[in-house]
Protein backbone atom coordinates (compact mmCIF):
# COMPACT_ATOMS: atom_id res chain seq x y z
CA MET A 1 28.96 26.21 44.66
CA GLN A 2 28.71 24.04 41.55
CA THR A 3 27.52 25.49 38.29
CA ALA A 4 26.13 23.57 35.34
CA MET A 5 28.75 23.00 32.69
CA PRO A 6 28.06 21.92 29.13
CA ILE A 7 29.32 18.54 28.03
CA PHE A 8 30.90 18.14 24.63
CA ILE A 9 31.41 14.62 23.29
CA PRO A 10 33.83 14.26 20.38
CA PRO A 11 32.28 12.10 17.63
CA THR A 12 35.36 9.87 17.73
CA LEU A 13 35.06 9.10 21.46
CA ARG A 14 34.90 5.38 22.22
CA CYS A 15 34.56 3.90 25.67
CA THR A 16 34.09 0.65 27.52
CA GLU A 17 30.88 -0.24 29.35
CA GLU A 18 32.56 0.58 32.67
CA GLN A 19 33.60 4.03 31.43
CA PHE A 20 30.12 4.53 30.03
CA ARG A 21 28.58 3.75 33.44
CA GLU A 22 30.82 6.42 34.98
CA LEU A 23 29.69 9.01 32.41
CA VAL A 24 26.05 8.20 33.17
CA LYS A 25 26.62 8.21 36.92
CA PHE A 26 28.12 11.71 36.89
CA ASN A 27 25.60 13.10 34.39
CA PRO A 28 22.27 11.62 35.55
CA ASP A 29 20.10 14.29 33.92
CA LEU A 30 21.15 13.30 30.42
CA ARG A 31 19.93 10.36 28.32
CA TRP A 32 22.81 8.22 27.14
CA GLU A 33 23.32 5.32 24.76
CA LEU A 34 26.39 3.33 23.77
CA THR A 35 26.63 1.68 20.35
CA ALA A 36 28.05 -1.79 19.82
CA GLN A 37 31.18 -0.05 18.47
CA GLY A 38 31.63 1.91 21.72
CA GLU A 39 30.35 5.24 20.38
CA VAL A 40 28.76 7.44 23.02
CA ILE A 41 25.43 9.06 22.14
CA VAL A 42 23.95 11.85 24.27
CA MET A 43 20.29 12.54 23.57
CA ALA A 44 18.83 15.94 24.24
CA PRO A 45 15.57 16.25 26.14
CA THR A 46 12.55 16.02 23.86
CA GLY A 47 10.17 18.85 23.19
CA SER A 48 7.10 19.13 25.38
CA GLU A 49 4.76 17.70 22.75
CA THR A 50 6.96 14.62 22.22
CA GLY A 51 7.20 14.24 26.01
CA ASN A 52 3.41 14.20 26.23
CA TYR A 53 3.16 11.57 23.47
CA ASN A 54 5.72 9.44 25.32
CA PHE A 55 3.77 9.80 28.55
CA GLU A 56 0.50 8.76 26.92
CA LEU A 57 2.08 5.73 25.25
CA ASN A 58 3.77 4.73 28.52
CA THR A 59 0.43 5.07 30.32
CA ASP A 60 -1.26 2.72 27.86
CA LEU A 61 1.47 0.08 28.16
CA GLY A 62 1.71 0.49 31.93
CA THR A 63 -2.05 0.12 32.44
CA TRP A 64 -2.15 -3.04 30.31
CA ASN A 65 0.93 -4.44 32.08
CA ARG A 66 -0.45 -3.76 35.55
CA GLN A 67 -3.67 -5.59 34.66
CA GLN A 68 -2.03 -8.55 32.91
CA LYS A 69 1.00 -8.99 35.21
CA MET A 70 2.91 -10.74 32.42
CA GLY A 71 6.17 -8.78 32.53
CA LYS A 72 7.97 -5.56 33.27
CA ALA A 73 7.43 -2.27 31.41
CA PHE A 74 10.07 0.45 31.12
CA ASP A 75 10.28 4.09 30.06
CA SER A 76 13.10 5.83 28.23
CA SER A 77 15.21 6.26 31.36
CA ALA A 78 16.03 2.51 31.42
CA GLY A 79 19.08 1.22 29.60
CA PHE A 80 19.55 -2.34 28.34
CA ARG A 81 22.83 -3.99 27.34
CA LEU A 82 22.02 -5.84 24.14
CA PRO A 83 23.82 -9.07 23.18
CA ASN A 84 25.91 -7.12 20.64
CA GLY A 85 27.27 -4.91 23.46
CA ALA A 86 25.22 -1.78 22.69
CA ILE A 87 23.42 -0.06 25.56
CA ARG A 88 20.09 1.25 24.33
CA SER A 89 17.22 3.16 25.91
CA PRO A 90 14.03 2.74 23.87
CA ASP A 91 11.18 5.15 24.49
CA LEU A 92 9.09 2.20 25.75
CA ALA A 93 10.15 -1.37 26.43
CA TRP A 94 8.63 -4.51 27.83
CA ILE A 95 10.22 -7.78 28.97
CA ALA A 96 8.32 -11.00 29.68
CA GLN A 97 8.29 -11.88 33.39
CA GLU A 98 10.02 -15.25 32.96
CA ARG A 99 12.93 -13.62 31.11
CA TRP A 100 13.19 -10.81 33.68
CA GLU A 101 13.29 -13.34 36.53
CA GLN A 102 16.31 -15.03 34.93
CA LEU A 103 18.35 -11.92 35.66
CA SER A 104 20.11 -11.53 39.00
CA PRO A 105 19.19 -8.61 41.29
CA GLU A 106 22.57 -7.04 40.44
CA GLN A 107 21.90 -7.33 36.69
CA ARG A 108 18.49 -5.71 37.13
CA ARG A 109 19.99 -2.72 38.97
CA GLN A 110 22.47 -1.95 36.19
CA PHE A 111 21.97 -1.93 32.43
CA ALA A 112 20.14 -5.25 32.30
CA PRO A 113 21.92 -7.61 29.89
CA ILE A 114 18.82 -8.39 27.88
CA CYS A 115 17.04 -7.20 24.78
CA PRO A 116 13.41 -6.28 25.45
CA ASP A 117 10.68 -8.43 23.89
CA PHE A 118 8.87 -5.25 22.78
CA VAL A 119 10.25 -1.81 22.01
CA LEU A 120 8.67 1.42 20.83
CA GLU A 121 10.59 4.36 19.45
CA LEU A 122 8.82 7.67 18.89
CA VAL A 123 10.35 9.77 16.13
CA SER A 124 10.86 13.32 17.40
CA PRO A 125 11.57 16.34 15.19
CA ALA A 126 15.25 16.21 16.19
CA ASP A 127 15.70 12.54 15.22
CA ASP A 128 17.38 11.31 12.07
CA LEU A 129 14.87 8.77 10.71
CA ALA A 130 17.52 6.49 9.18
CA THR A 131 19.33 6.29 12.52
CA VAL A 132 16.15 5.34 14.38
CA GLN A 133 15.27 2.76 11.69
CA ALA A 134 18.74 1.23 12.08
CA LYS A 135 18.21 1.10 15.85
CA MET A 136 14.93 -0.82 15.30
CA GLN A 137 16.77 -3.34 13.12
CA GLU A 138 19.42 -3.64 15.84
CA TYR A 139 16.74 -4.51 18.40
CA LEU A 140 15.42 -7.27 16.11
CA LYS A 141 18.89 -8.70 15.49
CA ASN A 142 19.39 -8.87 19.27
CA GLY A 143 16.18 -10.73 20.12
CA CYS A 144 13.31 -8.22 20.11
CA ARG A 145 10.06 -9.91 19.10
CA LEU A 146 7.95 -6.83 18.24
CA GLY A 147 8.85 -3.20 17.61
CA TRP A 148 6.85 -0.11 16.74
CA LEU A 149 8.46 2.95 15.19
CA VAL A 150 5.87 5.71 15.61
CA ASN A 151 6.26 8.72 13.32
CA PRO A 152 3.87 11.58 14.18
CA GLU A 153 5.06 13.64 11.18
CA THR A 154 3.88 11.04 8.64
CA ARG A 155 1.13 9.68 10.93
CA SER A 156 2.48 6.20 10.38
CA VAL A 157 3.90 3.29 12.34
CA THR A 158 6.49 0.87 11.06
CA ILE A 159 5.96 -2.53 12.68
CA TYR A 160 9.07 -4.66 13.09
CA ARG A 161 8.90 -8.43 13.53
CA PRO A 162 11.68 -11.04 13.29
CA ASN A 163 12.39 -12.53 9.87
CA VAL A 164 9.86 -10.42 7.93
CA ALA A 165 10.04 -7.06 6.19
CA PRO A 166 8.84 -4.09 8.25
CA GLU A 167 5.17 -3.24 7.74
CA ILE A 168 4.03 0.38 7.53
CA VAL A 169 0.51 1.26 8.70
CA THR A 170 -1.28 4.56 9.26
CA PHE A 171 -2.60 5.90 12.54
CA ASP A 172 -6.05 4.73 11.40
CA VAL A 173 -5.00 1.14 12.17
CA VAL A 174 -5.42 0.04 15.80
CA LEU A 175 -2.08 -1.47 16.79
CA SER A 176 -2.01 -4.95 18.31
CA GLY A 177 0.53 -6.38 20.70
CA GLU A 178 0.03 -9.66 18.86
CA ASP A 179 1.35 -12.73 20.68
CA VAL A 180 4.07 -10.69 22.42
CA LEU A 181 1.65 -8.46 24.36
CA PRO A 182 -1.62 -10.46 24.20
CA GLY A 183 -4.69 -8.23 24.39
CA PHE A 184 -2.70 -4.98 24.22
CA THR A 185 -4.05 -2.54 21.64
CA VAL A 186 -3.37 1.12 20.96
CA ASP A 187 -5.44 3.49 18.89
CA LEU A 188 -2.94 6.25 18.18
CA ARG A 189 -5.72 8.63 17.13
CA HIS A 190 -6.58 8.94 20.85
CA ILE A 191 -3.05 10.20 21.51
CA PHE A 192 -2.15 12.12 18.35
CA GLY A 193 -5.66 13.20 17.30
CA SER A 194 -7.48 12.27 14.13
CA ASP A 195 -6.68 13.50 10.62
CA GLU A 196 -9.73 15.73 10.71
CA LEU A 197 -8.33 17.90 13.51
């Protein structure tokens, strides 16, 4: 009979993508990322409230995507190998259909070697904000066209676009998918409640 054993990752551990795949394969219940420098990051499960927020945001993107049929939407269980070699798992991601179709079936089954066109990261109480902000910049440097960093604590969203400074807006602003996700809008007050609550 197997028993659950804790996993301890030394902060100095570095591994190749092949070794990383093995770690993920034998520990499927954990969320993993690999930095461009080969550092292994294990992410704990989120709290229930954060999980609900993620679900609601995924539902909004998934509903829009199913209606528009313009690409593929992904939740936080999907990993992507970015051009810099990092393997990242954003809370939400979307890739335009024509870019997705350029990948082989084998590439799609593994950590797809592509940076999503759109990413969303939801700041949870356990996250270090500077680390998540650096991850958003990494997505941009690797080809992401639109990113939203949603921070429930400050009730703000930092919008990331290529070649411009990040823009911070409050939850009172209805977010637009702009030309990346045409017609996609999100009113975060429907998910996180209004200030008056």
